[in-house]
PDB file of N, CA and C in Angstrom:
ATOM      1  N   MET A   1       0.831  -1.137   0.000  1.00  0.00           N
ATOM      2  CA  MET A   1      -0.007   0.004  -0.025  1.00  0.00           C
ATOM      3  C   MET A   1       0.814   1.261  -0.026  1.00  0.00           C
ATOM      4  N   THR A   2       0.650   2.148  -0.940  1.00  0.00           N
ATOM      5  CA  THR A   2       1.394   3.308  -1.049  1.00  0.00           C
ATOM      6  C   THR A   2       0.845   4.471  -0.020  1.00  0.00           C
ATOM      7  N   ARG A   3       1.850   5.046   0.657  1.00  0.00           N
ATOM      8  CA  ARG A   3       1.569   6.118   1.513  1.00  0.00           C
ATOM      9  C   ARG A   3       1.765   7.406   0.862  1.00  0.00           C
ATOM     10  N   HIS A   4       1.010   8.479   1.261  1.00  0.00           N
ATOM     11  CA  HIS A   4       1.330   9.808   0.648  1.00  0.00           C
ATOM     12  C   HIS A   4       1.204  10.835   1.687  1.00  0.00           C
ATOM     13  N   ALA A   5       1.827  12.051   1.279  1.00  0.00           N
ATOM     14  CA  ALA A   5       1.641  13.263   2.115  1.00  0.00           C
ATOM     15  C   ALA A   5       1.523  14.387   1.146  1.00  0.00           C
ATOM     16  N   THR A   6       0.849  15.432   1.469  1.00  0.00           N
ATOM     17  CA  THR A   6       0.680  16.573   0.686  1.00  0.00           C
ATOM     18  C   THR A   6       1.121  17.757   1.553  1.00  0.00           C
ATOM     19  N   ILE A   7       2.117  18.477   1.173  1.00  0.00           N
ATOM     20  CA  ILE A   7       2.501  19.659   2.011  1.00  0.00           C
ATOM     21  C   ILE A   7       2.451  20.877   1.269  1.00  0.00           C
ATOM     22  N   THR A   8       1.574  21.856   1.905  1.00  0.00           N
ATOM     23  CA  THR A   8       1.259  23.093   1.369  1.00  0.00           C
ATOM     24  C   THR A   8       2.072  24.203   2.240  1.00  0.00           C
ATOM     25  N   THR A   9       2.941  24.996   1.489  1.00  0.00           N
ATOM     26  CA  THR A   9       3.663  25.946   2.171  1.00  0.00           C
ATOM     27  C   THR A   9       3.203  27.348   1.547  1.00  0.00           C
ATOM     28  N   ALA A  10       2.598  28.305   2.272  1.00  0.00           N
ATOM     29  CA  ALA A  10       2.292  29.593   1.875  1.00  0.00           C
ATOM     30  C   ALA A  10       3.557  30.326   1.963  1.00  0.00           C
ATOM     31  N   VAL A  11       3.827  31.023   0.815  1.00  0.00           N
ATOM     32  CA  VAL A  11       4.994  31.854   0.687  1.00  0.00           C
ATOM     33  C   VAL A  11       4.755  33.084  -0.256  1.00  0.00           C
ATOM     34  N   PRO A  12       5.478  34.113   0.055  1.00  0.00           N
ATOM     35  CA  PRO A  12       5.321  35.205  -0.896  1.00  0.00           C
ATOM     36  C   PRO A  12       5.551  35.116  -2.283  1.00  0.00           C
ATOM     37  N   ASN A  13       6.573  34.357  -2.542  1.00  0.00           N
ATOM     38  CA  ASN A  13       7.044  34.145  -3.983  1.00  0.00           C
ATOM     39  C   ASN A  13       7.164  32.654  -4.260  1.00  0.00           C
ATOM     40  N   PRO A  14       5.859  32.027  -4.406  1.00  0.00           N
ATOM     41  CA  PRO A  14       5.879  30.488  -4.614  1.00  0.00           C
ATOM     42  C   PRO A  14       6.567  30.052  -5.864  1.00  0.00           C
ATOM     43  N   GLU A  15       6.670  30.785  -6.887  1.00  0.00           N
ATOM     44  CA  GLU A  15       7.394  30.278  -8.038  1.00  0.00           C
ATOM     45  C   GLU A  15       8.832  30.115  -7.804  1.00  0.00           C
ATOM     46  N   LEU A  16       9.475  31.101  -7.069  1.00  0.00           N
ATOM     47  CA  LEU A  16      10.845  31.015  -6.725  1.00  0.00           C
ATOM     48  C   LEU A  16      11.215  29.874  -5.744  1.00  0.00           C
ATOM     49  N   VAL A  17      10.417  29.714  -4.824  1.00  0.00           N
ATOM     50  CA  VAL A  17      10.677  28.639  -3.778  1.00  0.00           C
ATOM     51  C   VAL A  17      10.503  27.292  -4.482  1.00  0.00           C
ATOM     52  N   ALA A  18       9.534  27.052  -5.389  1.00  0.00           N
ATOM     53  CA  ALA A  18       9.309  25.878  -5.974  1.00  0.00           C
ATOM     54  C   ALA A  18      10.437  25.579  -6.904  1.00  0.00           C
ATOM     55  N   ALA A  19      10.867  26.454  -7.624  1.00  0.00           N
ATOM     56  CA  ALA A  19      12.163  26.307  -8.452  1.00  0.00           C
ATOM     57  C   ALA A  19      13.365  25.928  -7.712  1.00  0.00           C
ATOM     58  N   ALA A  20      13.477  26.331  -6.429  1.00  0.00           N
ATOM     59  CA  ALA A  20      14.533  26.104  -5.595  1.00  0.00           C
ATOM     60  C   ALA A  20      14.474  24.552  -5.158  1.00  0.00           C
ATOM     61  N   VAL A  21      13.392  24.137  -4.866  1.00  0.00           N
ATOM     62  CA  VAL A  21      13.189  22.802  -4.306  1.00  0.00           C
ATOM     63  C   VAL A  21      13.076  21.725  -5.202  1.00  0.00           C
ATOM     64  N   ARG A  22      12.588  21.964  -6.489  1.00  0.00           N
ATOM     65  CA  ARG A  22      12.267  21.011  -7.478  1.00  0.00           C
ATOM     66  C   ARG A  22      13.507  20.156  -7.830  1.00  0.00           C
ATOM     67  N   PRO A  23      14.730  20.709  -7.898  1.00  0.00           N
ATOM     68  CA  PRO A  23      15.883  19.821  -8.316  1.00  0.00           C
ATOM     69  C   PRO A  23      16.141  18.821  -7.392  1.00  0.00           C
ATOM     70  N   ASP A  24      15.676  18.822  -6.167  1.00  0.00           N
ATOM     71  CA  ASP A  24      15.838  17.791  -5.122  1.00  0.00           C
ATOM     72  C   ASP A  24      14.724  16.817  -5.016  1.00  0.00           C
ATOM     73  N   ASN A  25      13.702  16.948  -5.858  1.00  0.00           N
ATOM     74  CA  ASN A  25      12.597  16.021  -5.906  1.00  0.00           C
ATOM     75  C   ASN A  25      13.043  14.676  -6.523  1.00  0.00           C
ATOM     76  N   THR A  26      12.431  13.707  -5.914  1.00  0.00           N
ATOM     77  CA  THR A  26      12.735  12.292  -6.537  1.00  0.00           C
ATOM     78  C   THR A  26      11.513  11.847  -7.331  1.00  0.00           C
ATOM     79  N   ALA A  27      11.567  10.854  -7.987  1.00  0.00           N
ATOM     80  CA  ALA A  27      10.499  10.449  -8.784  1.00  0.00           C
ATOM     81  C   ALA A  27       9.083  10.234  -8.250  1.00  0.00           C
ATOM     82  N   GLU A  28       9.209  10.203  -6.766  1.00  0.00           N
ATOM     83  CA  GLU A  28       7.941   9.962  -5.963  1.00  0.00           C
ATOM     84  C   GLU A  28       7.349  11.327  -5.641  1.00  0.00           C
ATOM     85  N   MET A  29       7.924  12.487  -6.013  1.00  0.00           N
ATOM     86  CA  MET A  29       7.574  13.795  -5.685  1.00  0.00           C
ATOM     87  C   MET A  29       7.033  14.617  -6.788  1.00  0.00           C
ATOM     88  N   ASP A  30       6.006  15.376  -6.477  1.00  0.00           N
ATOM     89  CA  ASP A  30       5.507  16.413  -7.558  1.00  0.00           C
ATOM     90  C   ASP A  30       5.371  17.731  -6.801  1.00  0.00           C
ATOM     91  N   THR A  31       5.862  18.726  -7.356  1.00  0.00           N
ATOM     92  CA  THR A  31       5.713  20.149  -6.736  1.00  0.00           C
ATOM     93  C   THR A  31       4.990  20.977  -7.708  1.00  0.00           C
ATOM     94  N   GLN A  32       3.937  21.681  -7.224  1.00  0.00           N
ATOM     95  CA  GLN A  32       3.198  22.663  -8.017  1.00  0.00           C
ATOM     96  C   GLN A  32       3.051  23.969  -7.398  1.00  0.00           C
ATOM     97  N   VAL A  33       2.611  24.888  -8.084  1.00  0.00           N
ATOM     98  CA  VAL A  33       2.580  26.244  -7.487  1.00  0.00           C
ATOM     99  C   VAL A  33       1.096  26.704  -7.583  1.00  0.00           C
ATOM    100  N   THR A  34       0.554  27.232  -6.444  1.00  0.00           N
ATOM    101  CA  THR A  34      -0.727  27.885  -6.429  1.00  0.00           C
ATOM    102  C   THR A  34      -0.491  29.430  -6.370  1.00  0.00           C
ATOM    103  N   GLU A  35      -1.561  30.189  -6.289  1.00  0.00           N
ATOM    104  CA  GLU A  35      -1.464  31.603  -6.167  1.00  0.00           C
ATOM    105  C   GLU A  35      -0.533  32.022  -5.184  1.00  0.00           C
ATOM    106  N   ASP A  36      -0.598  31.340  -3.972  1.00  0.00           N
ATOM    107  CA  ASP A  36       0.241  31.923  -2.897  1.00  0.00           C
ATOM    108  C   ASP A  36       0.885  30.753  -2.166  1.00  0.00           C
ATOM    109  N   ALA A  37       1.202  29.599  -2.686  1.00  0.00           N
ATOM    110  CA  ALA A  37       1.756  28.453  -1.975  1.00  0.00           C
ATOM    111  C   ALA A  37       2.458  27.626  -2.936  1.00  0.00           C
ATOM    112  N   VAL A  38       3.451  26.846  -2.380  1.00  0.00           N
ATOM    113  CA  VAL A  38       4.082  25.635  -2.937  1.00  0.00           C
ATOM    114  C   VAL A  38       3.266  24.316  -2.372  1.00  0.00           C
ATOM    115  N   VAL A  39       2.847  23.607  -3.351  1.00  0.00           N
ATOM    116  CA  VAL A  39       2.220  22.249  -2.808  1.00  0.00           C
ATOM    117  C   VAL A  39       3.033  21.144  -3.417  1.00  0.00           C
ATOM    118  N   THR A  40       3.502  20.266  -2.584  1.00  0.00           N
ATOM    119  CA  THR A  40       4.287  19.050  -2.962  1.00  0.00           C
ATOM    120  C   THR A  40       3.573  17.863  -2.446  1.00  0.00           C
ATOM    121  N   ARG A  41       3.380  16.978  -3.462  1.00  0.00           N
ATOM    122  CA  ARG A  41       2.724  15.622  -2.958  1.00  0.00           C
ATOM    123  C   ARG A  41       3.962  14.632  -3.018  1.00  0.00           C
ATOM    124  N   ILE A  42       4.033  13.838  -1.965  1.00  0.00           N
ATOM    125  CA  ILE A  42       5.144  12.757  -1.885  1.00  0.00           C
ATOM    126  C   ILE A  42       4.432  11.382  -1.714  1.00  0.00           C
ATOM    127  N   GLU A  43       4.859  10.436  -2.437  1.00  0.00           N
ATOM    128  CA  GLU A  43       4.322   9.041  -2.347  1.00  0.00           C
ATOM    129  C   GLU A  43       5.471   8.187  -2.238  1.00  0.00           C
ATOM    130  N   ARG A  44       5.358   7.250  -1.116  1.00  0.00           N
ATOM    131  CA  ARG A  44       6.425   6.249  -0.763  1.00  0.00           C
ATOM    132  C   ARG A  44       5.841   4.926  -0.497  1.00  0.00           C
ATOM    133  N   GLU A  45       6.502   3.840  -0.678  1.00  0.00           N
ATOM    134  CA  GLU A  45       5.958   2.482  -0.297  1.00  0.00           C
ATOM    135  C   GLU A  45       5.843   2.238   1.154  1.00  0.00           C
ATOM    136  N   ASP A  46       6.596   2.769   1.849  1.00  0.00           N
ATOM    137  CA  ASP A  46       6.490   2.557   3.462  1.00  0.00           C
ATOM    138  C   ASP A  46       6.506   3.784   4.136  1.00  0.00           C
ATOM    139  N   THR A  47       6.008   3.783   5.351  1.00  0.00           N
ATOM    140  CA  THR A  47       5.920   4.820   6.237  1.00  0.00           C
ATOM    141  C   THR A  47       7.217   5.472   6.623  1.00  0.00           C
ATOM    142  N   GLY A  48       8.200   4.706   6.934  1.00  0.00           N
ATOM    143  CA  GLY A  48       9.606   5.202   7.336  1.00  0.00           C
ATOM    144  C   GLY A  48      10.257   5.959   6.182  1.00  0.00           C
ATOM    145  N   GLY A  49      10.037   5.426   4.834  1.00  0.00           N
ATOM    146  CA  GLY A  49      10.609   6.275   3.647  1.00  0.00           C
ATOM    147  C   GLY A  49       9.796   7.406   3.554  1.00  0.00           C
ATOM    148  N   LEU A  50       8.502   7.556   3.818  1.00  0.00           N
ATOM    149  CA  LEU A  50       7.652   8.764   3.587  1.00  0.00           C
ATOM    150  C   LEU A  50       8.232   9.791   4.553  1.00  0.00           C
ATOM    151  N   GLN A  51       8.290   9.269   5.854  1.00  0.00           N
ATOM    152  CA  GLN A  51       8.758  10.295   6.880  1.00  0.00           C
ATOM    153  C   GLN A  51      10.224  10.789   6.672  1.00  0.00           C
ATOM    154  N   SER A  52      11.066  10.032   6.136  1.00  0.00           N
ATOM    155  CA  SER A  52      12.465  10.605   5.776  1.00  0.00           C
ATOM    156  C   SER A  52      12.344  11.604   4.640  1.00  0.00           C
ATOM    157  N   THR A  53      11.600  11.246   3.622  1.00  0.00           N
ATOM    158  CA  THR A  53      11.498  12.164   2.501  1.00  0.00           C
ATOM    159  C   THR A  53      10.794  13.546   2.915  1.00  0.00           C
ATOM    160  N   VAL A  54       9.725  13.409   3.732  1.00  0.00           N
ATOM    161  CA  VAL A  54       9.040  14.537   4.163  1.00  0.00           C
ATOM    162  C   VAL A  54       9.876  15.378   5.057  1.00  0.00           C
ATOM    163  N   ASP A  55      10.710  14.902   6.005  1.00  0.00           N
ATOM    164  CA  ASP A  55      11.698  15.482   6.729  1.00  0.00           C
ATOM    165  C   ASP A  55      12.608  16.328   5.946  1.00  0.00           C
ATOM    166  N   ASP A  56      13.373  15.562   4.994  1.00  0.00           N
ATOM    167  CA  ASP A  56      14.291  16.256   4.020  1.00  0.00           C
ATOM    168  C   ASP A  56      13.567  17.441   3.276  1.00  0.00           C
ATOM    169  N   TYR A  57      12.336  17.191   2.732  1.00  0.00           N
ATOM    170  CA  TYR A  57      11.607  18.150   1.997  1.00  0.00           C
ATOM    171  C   TYR A  57      11.276  19.465   2.790  1.00  0.00           C
ATOM    172  N   VAL A  58      10.963  19.245   4.123  1.00  0.00           N
ATOM    173  CA  VAL A  58      10.702  20.392   4.923  1.00  0.00           C
ATOM    174  C   VAL A  58      11.835  21.258   5.196  1.00  0.00           C
ATOM    175  N   VAL A  59      13.069  20.534   5.442  1.00  0.00           N
ATOM    176  CA  VAL A  59      14.296  21.286   5.577  1.00  0.00           C
ATOM    177  C   VAL A  59      14.553  22.090   4.314  1.00  0.00           C
ATOM    178  N   ASN A  60      14.377  21.469   3.152  1.00  0.00           N
ATOM    179  CA  ASN A  60      14.607  22.137   1.877  1.00  0.00           C
ATOM    180  C   ASN A  60      13.708  23.348   1.593  1.00  0.00           C
ATOM    181  N   VAL A  61      12.482  23.213   1.801  1.00  0.00           N
ATOM    182  CA  VAL A  61      11.502  24.283   1.505  1.00  0.00           C
ATOM    183  C   VAL A  61      11.706  25.381   2.636  1.00  0.00           C
ATOM    184  N   THR A  62      12.085  25.072   3.797  1.00  0.00           N
ATOM    185  CA  THR A  62      12.318  26.133   4.779  1.00  0.00           C
ATOM    186  C   THR A  62      13.504  26.937   4.353  1.00  0.00           C
ATOM    187  N   VAL A  63      14.663  26.294   3.975  1.00  0.00           N
ATOM    188  CA  VAL A  63      15.842  27.124   3.628  1.00  0.00           C
ATOM    189  C   VAL A  63      15.478  27.961   2.254  1.00  0.00           C
ATOM    190  N   ALA A  64      14.826  27.392   1.313  1.00  0.00           N
ATOM    191  CA  ALA A  64      14.374  28.081   0.116  1.00  0.00           C
ATOM    192  C   ALA A  64      13.556  29.353   0.309  1.00  0.00           C
ATOM    193  N   ARG A  65      12.544  29.232   1.352  1.00  0.00           N
ATOM    194  CA  ARG A  65      11.722  30.291   1.720  1.00  0.00           C
ATOM    195  C   ARG A  65      12.601  31.364   2.478  1.00  0.00           C
ATOM    196  N   GLU A  66      13.563  30.924   3.354  1.00  0.00           N
ATOM    197  CA  GLU A  66      14.341  31.959   3.978  1.00  0.00           C
ATOM    198  C   GLU A  66      15.297  32.716   2.957  1.00  0.00           C
ATOM    199  N   VAL A  67      15.868  31.958   2.110  1.00  0.00           N
ATOM    200  CA  VAL A  67      16.762  32.509   1.029  1.00  0.00           C
ATOM    201  C   VAL A  67      15.908  33.488   0.141  1.00  0.00           C
ATOM    202  N   ALA A  68      14.769  33.099  -0.256  1.00  0.00           N
ATOM    203  CA  ALA A  68      13.958  34.022  -0.986  1.00  0.00           C
ATOM    204  C   ALA A  68      13.522  35.258  -0.154  1.00  0.00           C
ATOM    205  N   GLN A  69      13.221  35.221   0.954  1.00  0.00           N
ATOM    206  CA  GLN A  69      12.946  36.351   1.857  1.00  0.00           C
ATOM    207  C   GLN A  69      14.130  37.163   2.065  1.00  0.00           C
ATOM    208  N   HIS A  70      15.261  36.827   2.243  1.00  0.00           N
ATOM    209  CA  HIS A  70      16.571  37.496   2.468  1.00  0.00           C
ATOM    210  C   HIS A  70      16.835  38.245   1.106  1.00  0.00           C
ATOM    211  N   ALA A  71      16.501  37.530  -0.133  1.00  0.00           N
ATOM    212  CA  ALA A  71      16.865  38.024  -1.327  1.00  0.00           C
ATOM    213  C   ALA A  71      15.922  39.211  -1.758  1.00  0.00           C
ATOM    214  N   ASN A  72      14.681  39.067  -1.315  1.00  0.00           N
ATOM    215  CA  ASN A  72      13.790  40.044  -1.533  1.00  0.00           C
ATOM    216  C   ASN A  72      14.039  41.307  -0.624  1.00  0.00           C
ATOM    217  N   ARG A  73      14.424  41.146   0.411  1.00  0.00           N
ATOM    218  CA  ARG A  73      14.800  42.203   1.460  1.00  0.00           C
ATOM    219  C   ARG A  73      16.036  43.008   0.730  1.00  0.00           C
ATOM    220  N   HIS A  74      17.024  42.301   0.283  1.00  0.00           N
ATOM    221  CA  HIS A  74      18.210  42.877  -0.305  1.00  0.00           C
ATOM    222  C   HIS A  74      17.871  43.575  -1.565  1.00  0.00           C
ATOM    223  N   THR A  75      17.089  43.155  -2.390  1.00  0.00           N
ATOM    224  CA  THR A  75      16.759  43.697  -3.675  1.00  0.00           C
ATOM    225  C   THR A  75      15.782  44.941  -3.548  1.00  0.00           C
ATOM    226  N   THR A  76      15.067  44.967  -2.470  1.00  0.00           N
ATOM    227  CA  THR A  76      14.173  46.105  -2.256  1.00  0.00           C
ATOM    228  C   THR A  76      14.689  47.040  -1.118  1.00  0.00           C
ATOM    229  N   ASN A  77      15.846  46.735  -0.670  1.00  0.00           N
ATOM    230  CA  ASN A  77      16.522  47.533   0.416  1.00  0.00           C
ATOM    231  C   ASN A  77      15.706  47.611   1.758  1.00  0.00           C
ATOM    232  N   GLU A  78      14.917  46.575   1.958  1.00  0.00           N
ATOM    233  CA  GLU A  78      14.243  46.447   3.377  1.00  0.00           C
ATOM    234  C   GLU A  78      15.303  45.993   4.305  1.00  0.00           C
ATOM    235  N   SER A  79      14.900  46.303   5.582  1.00  0.00           N
ATOM    236  CA  SER A  79      15.749  45.941   6.710  1.00  0.00           C
ATOM    237  C   SER A  79      15.025  44.727   7.394  1.00  0.00           C
TER     238      SER A  79
END
């Protein structure tokens, strides 16, 4: 039985964040963009594998979101 998780991350610039995390996607992952969020669906054959993949993805999307926020502050001269 396949296990799956869908992670929705609301971010100011979802296209940029999605582009940053897609290179790390495996064949079992699909990342899409909505108006204000990055939505990634992950499928794995076992619960342990799903948990590991979700953990890795959450770290990647968190870093991508933070980098995008810092880049936006830098380009708009915000503090």
